[in-house]
Amino acid sequence: MRKEVVDYIHSKQDLKNFIRVQPAWYRILSKNPHQLDKFEAASINHYEKTVHHQVQRFSNGVQMASMMMQMFQAMNDSQ
């Protein structure tokens, strides 16, 4: 694998861990170093760091808070 690709992967901990989990990417990047963008996108998707995943986590948090508020209101209303 090219030295600049290895250096780039080692500069980011998530990429370093991802290539250990998915060793097929090592072979792909050795043959086609221009697929580094696809590798990074796959890593971001694997670790759920995309905007979609962040919005989904936020939405789940808001739903949980809403359910807790409803539960507290129901408890207060029954007393």
Protein backbone atom coordinates (compact mmCIF):
# COMPACT_ATOMS: atom_id res chain seq x y z
CA MET A 1 0.00 0.00 0.00
CA ARG A 2 1.23 3.51 -0.73
CA LYS A 3 2.95 5.31 2.11
CA GLU A 4 0.66 8.36 1.92
CA VAL A 5 -2.42 6.12 2.19
CA VAL A 6 -0.96 4.29 5.19
CA ASP A 7 -0.02 7.59 6.83
CA TYR A 8 -3.53 8.95 6.23
CA ILE A 9 -5.15 5.84 7.74
CA HIS A 10 -2.86 5.91 10.76
CA SER A 11 -3.62 9.60 11.33
CA LYS A 12 -7.26 8.80 12.11
CA GLN A 13 -8.10 6.28 14.81
CA ASP A 14 -11.51 5.35 13.34
CA LEU A 15 -9.94 4.47 9.97
CA LYS A 16 -7.24 2.48 11.68
CA ASN A 17 -9.80 0.46 13.64
CA PHE A 18 -12.07 0.05 10.62
CA ILE A 19 -9.33 -1.46 8.46
CA ARG A 20 -8.72 -3.99 11.26
CA VAL A 21 -12.41 -4.90 11.33
CA GLN A 22 -12.70 -4.98 7.52
CA PRO A 23 -9.33 -6.28 6.21
CA ALA A 24 -10.73 -6.57 2.68
CA TRP A 25 -10.26 -2.81 2.43
CA TYR A 26 -6.50 -3.28 2.86
CA ARG A 27 -6.43 -5.34 -0.33
CA ILE A 28 -8.73 -2.92 -2.15
CA LEU A 29 -6.63 0.10 -1.20
CA SER A 30 -3.40 -1.70 -2.11
CA LYS A 31 -4.69 -2.22 -5.64
CA ASN A 32 -6.74 0.99 -5.99
CA PRO A 33 -5.52 3.77 -3.66
CA HIS A 34 -7.90 6.21 -5.37
CA GLN A 35 -10.78 4.47 -3.53
CA LEU A 36 -9.74 6.09 -0.27
CA ASP A 37 -12.91 8.22 -0.35
CA LYS A 38 -15.09 5.11 -0.55
CA PHE A 39 -13.12 3.56 2.31
CA GLU A 40 -13.62 6.64 4.45
CA ALA A 41 -17.35 6.74 3.61
CA ALA A 42 -17.69 3.06 4.55
CA SER A 43 -15.92 3.76 7.83
CA ILE A 44 -18.20 6.70 8.65
CA ASN A 45 -21.24 4.59 7.84
CA HIS A 46 -19.92 1.66 9.92
CA TYR A 47 -19.39 3.85 12.99
CA GLU A 48 -22.75 5.60 12.36
CA LYS A 49 -21.29 9.10 12.12
CA THR A 50 -23.30 10.23 9.11
CA VAL A 51 -25.74 13.15 9.36
CA HIS A 52 -28.61 10.69 9.04
CA HIS A 53 -27.42 8.70 12.04
CA GLN A 54 -26.88 11.86 14.12
CA VAL A 55 -30.39 13.12 13.33
CA GLN A 56 -31.81 9.71 14.17
CA ARG A 57 -30.01 9.66 17.54
CA PHE A 58 -31.25 13.18 18.30
CA SER A 59 -34.80 12.23 17.31
CA ASN A 60 -34.69 9.15 19.54
CA GLY A 61 -33.50 11.33 22.44
CA VAL A 62 -36.35 13.79 21.90
CA GLN A 63 -38.88 10.96 21.75
CA MET A 64 -37.50 9.50 24.99
CA ALA A 65 -37.70 12.88 26.72
CA SER A 66 -41.27 13.34 25.47
CA MET A 67 -42.30 9.94 26.79
CA MET A 68 -40.73 10.73 30.17
CA MET A 69 -42.59 14.04 30.36
CA GLN A 70 -45.89 12.32 29.55
CA MET A 71 -45.18 9.70 32.18
CA PHE A 72 -44.42 12.35 34.83
CA GLN A 73 -47.56 14.29 33.88
CA ALA A 74 -49.65 11.13 34.15
CA MET A 75 -48.15 10.41 37.58
CA ASN A 76 -48.90 13.96 38.76
CA ASP A 77 -52.44 13.84 37.39
CA SER A 78 -53.21 10.60 39.21
CA GLN A 79 -52.15 12.06 42.58
